[in-house]
């Protein structure tokens, strides 16, 4: 399910995995590199850390400040730099994981990614794709 509110883009999905595995996929630089198709991810995905994410041949990385990484149920990033999508600066991707039957429900909200932004449609489509890739990554697909 994909929705947009006045102040955020949201999507929910369920994966056949644990919240701990999703948490790892959102905080480990190697795992982020894998599901986000990044050229490289360096830094720390823990609370107070920064992730430097390079896509393709971009000269400067996208920088995510990690505002919260509460094992195993929540990760909040603050976009500090985004050369490919300047509209992202100051927005907050938020991932919340909860047990759901034999799996994990992932509720995603990108606070500040609103329909008025030029990038909204492309970003909403891309987030939908990459959220599925998180689930596939942790399920070993």
Protein backbone atom coordinates (compact mmCIF):
# COMPACT_ATOMS: atom_id res chain seq x y z
CA UNK A 1 0.00 0.00 0.00
CA UNK A 2 1.36 3.44 -1.01
CA UNK A 3 -0.02 6.70 0.24
CA UNK A 4 0.93 10.35 0.45
CA UNK A 5 -0.10 12.73 3.16
CA UNK A 6 0.43 16.45 3.43
CA UNK A 7 3.90 15.88 4.84
CA UNK A 8 5.13 12.40 3.83
CA UNK A 9 5.16 9.42 1.50
CA UNK A 10 4.31 6.11 3.18
CA UNK A 11 4.38 2.46 2.22
CA UNK A 12 3.82 -0.76 4.14
CA UNK A 13 4.91 -4.27 3.29
CA UNK A 14 5.30 -7.61 5.03
CA UNK A 15 8.35 -9.85 4.70
CA UNK A 16 8.95 -13.43 5.72
CA UNK A 17 11.77 -12.49 8.07
CA UNK A 18 12.42 -11.01 11.49
CA UNK A 19 12.53 -7.38 12.55
CA UNK A 20 16.17 -7.97 13.55
CA UNK A 21 17.08 -8.97 9.97
CA UNK A 22 15.36 -5.88 8.54
CA UNK A 23 17.10 -3.73 11.16
CA UNK A 24 20.46 -5.18 10.04
CA UNK A 25 19.62 -4.44 6.38
CA UNK A 26 19.02 -0.78 7.34
CA UNK A 27 22.06 -0.28 9.54
CA UNK A 28 24.86 -2.38 8.02
CA UNK A 29 26.72 -0.54 5.21
CA UNK A 30 27.28 -3.75 3.23
CA UNK A 31 23.60 -4.69 3.39
CA UNK A 32 22.53 -1.17 2.38
CA UNK A 33 24.90 -1.36 -0.60
CA UNK A 34 23.24 -4.60 -1.69
CA UNK A 35 19.56 -3.62 -1.55
CA UNK A 36 19.97 0.01 -2.60
CA UNK A 37 22.20 -0.83 -5.59
CA UNK A 38 24.73 1.71 -4.37
CA UNK A 39 28.30 1.84 -5.62
CA UNK A 40 29.40 2.06 -1.98
CA UNK A 41 28.12 2.79 1.51
CA UNK A 42 30.49 3.81 4.28
CA UNK A 43 30.08 5.08 7.81
CA UNK A 44 27.93 3.96 10.72
CA UNK A 45 24.27 3.03 10.65
CA UNK A 46 23.97 3.27 14.42
CA UNK A 47 22.33 6.13 16.34
CA UNK A 48 24.45 9.26 15.94
CA UNK A 49 26.30 7.88 12.92
CA UNK A 50 26.34 8.96 9.29
CA UNK A 51 26.00 6.88 6.18
CA UNK A 52 27.76 8.09 3.03
CA UNK A 53 26.03 6.50 0.04
CA UNK A 54 27.49 6.80 -3.44
CA UNK A 55 25.33 5.95 -6.44
CA UNK A 56 26.94 5.31 -9.83
CA UNK A 57 29.58 7.87 -10.64
CA UNK A 58 28.22 10.77 -8.58
CA UNK A 59 31.14 12.86 -7.29
CA UNK A 60 29.64 13.48 -3.83
CA UNK A 61 27.76 10.97 -1.68
CA UNK A 62 24.26 11.16 -0.33
CA UNK A 63 24.64 11.62 3.43
CA UNK A 64 22.14 10.17 5.88
CA UNK A 65 22.50 11.16 9.53
CA UNK A 66 21.21 8.34 11.70
CA UNK A 67 18.89 10.00 14.20
CA UNK A 68 17.75 6.68 15.67
CA UNK A 69 18.62 3.02 15.29
CA UNK A 70 16.61 1.24 17.98
CA UNK A 71 17.17 -2.50 17.67
CA UNK A 72 15.11 -4.14 16.28
CA UNK A 73 12.13 -1.92 15.63
CA UNK A 74 13.06 1.53 14.30
CA UNK A 75 15.55 3.37 12.10
CA UNK A 76 15.30 7.09 11.34
CA UNK A 77 17.58 8.88 8.89
CA UNK A 78 17.87 12.62 8.26
CA UNK A 79 19.03 13.49 4.74
CA UNK A 80 21.96 15.90 5.17
CA UNK A 81 23.15 15.88 1.52
CA UNK A 82 21.62 14.50 -1.65
CA UNK A 83 23.38 15.46 -4.89
CA UNK A 84 21.11 13.30 -7.08
CA UNK A 85 17.84 14.40 -5.46
CA UNK A 86 18.34 17.83 -3.85
CA UNK A 87 14.67 17.87 -2.75
CA UNK A 88 15.56 15.20 -0.17
CA UNK A 89 17.78 17.45 1.96
CA UNK A 90 16.08 17.95 5.31
CA UNK A 91 13.66 15.03 4.85
CA UNK A 92 13.51 12.00 7.14
CA UNK A 93 13.16 8.43 5.92
CA UNK A 94 11.74 6.38 8.81
CA UNK A 95 11.51 2.60 9.01
CA UNK A 96 9.40 0.87 11.69
CA UNK A 97 9.40 -2.90 12.04
CA UNK A 98 6.84 -4.97 13.96
CA UNK A 99 6.27 -8.73 14.15
CA UNK A 100 3.42 -9.87 11.90
CA UNK A 101 2.50 -13.53 12.05
CA UNK A 102 5.52 -15.50 10.86
CA UNK A 103 7.17 -12.38 9.46
CA UNK A 104 7.77 -8.70 9.90
CA UNK A 105 5.70 -5.71 8.92
CA UNK A 106 7.79 -2.80 7.61
CA UNK A 107 6.12 0.59 7.79
CA UNK A 108 8.05 3.21 5.86
CA UNK A 109 7.49 6.95 5.92
CA UNK A 110 9.64 9.49 4.10
CA UNK A 111 8.71 12.62 6.04
CA UNK A 112 9.03 15.70 3.86
CA UNK A 113 8.70 13.77 0.58
CA UNK A 114 5.45 15.39 -0.50
CA UNK A 115 3.47 15.43 -3.76
CA UNK A 116 4.42 19.11 -4.36
CA UNK A 117 8.10 18.19 -4.86
CA UNK A 118 9.32 17.76 -8.42
CA UNK A 119 10.85 14.38 -7.56
CA UNK A 120 7.78 12.93 -5.82
CA UNK A 121 6.45 10.54 -8.50
CA UNK A 122 9.89 9.18 -9.39
CA UNK A 123 10.91 8.92 -5.73
CA UNK A 124 7.68 7.16 -4.75
CA UNK A 125 8.20 4.61 -7.52
CA UNK A 126 11.86 4.14 -6.56
CA UNK A 127 11.09 3.74 -2.84
CA UNK A 128 8.46 1.14 -3.70
CA UNK A 129 11.09 -0.79 -5.66
CA UNK A 130 13.80 -0.50 -3.01
CA UNK A 131 11.53 -1.44 -0.11
CA UNK A 132 10.73 -4.69 -1.93
CA UNK A 133 14.49 -5.14 -2.43
CA UNK A 134 15.02 -4.82 1.33
CA UNK A 135 12.53 -7.64 1.85
CA UNK A 136 14.10 -9.74 -0.91
CA UNK A 137 17.60 -9.11 0.48
CA UNK A 138 16.73 -10.27 3.99
CA UNK A 139 14.81 -13.26 2.62
CA UNK A 140 17.86 -14.31 0.59
CA UNK A 141 16.32 -13.70 -2.83
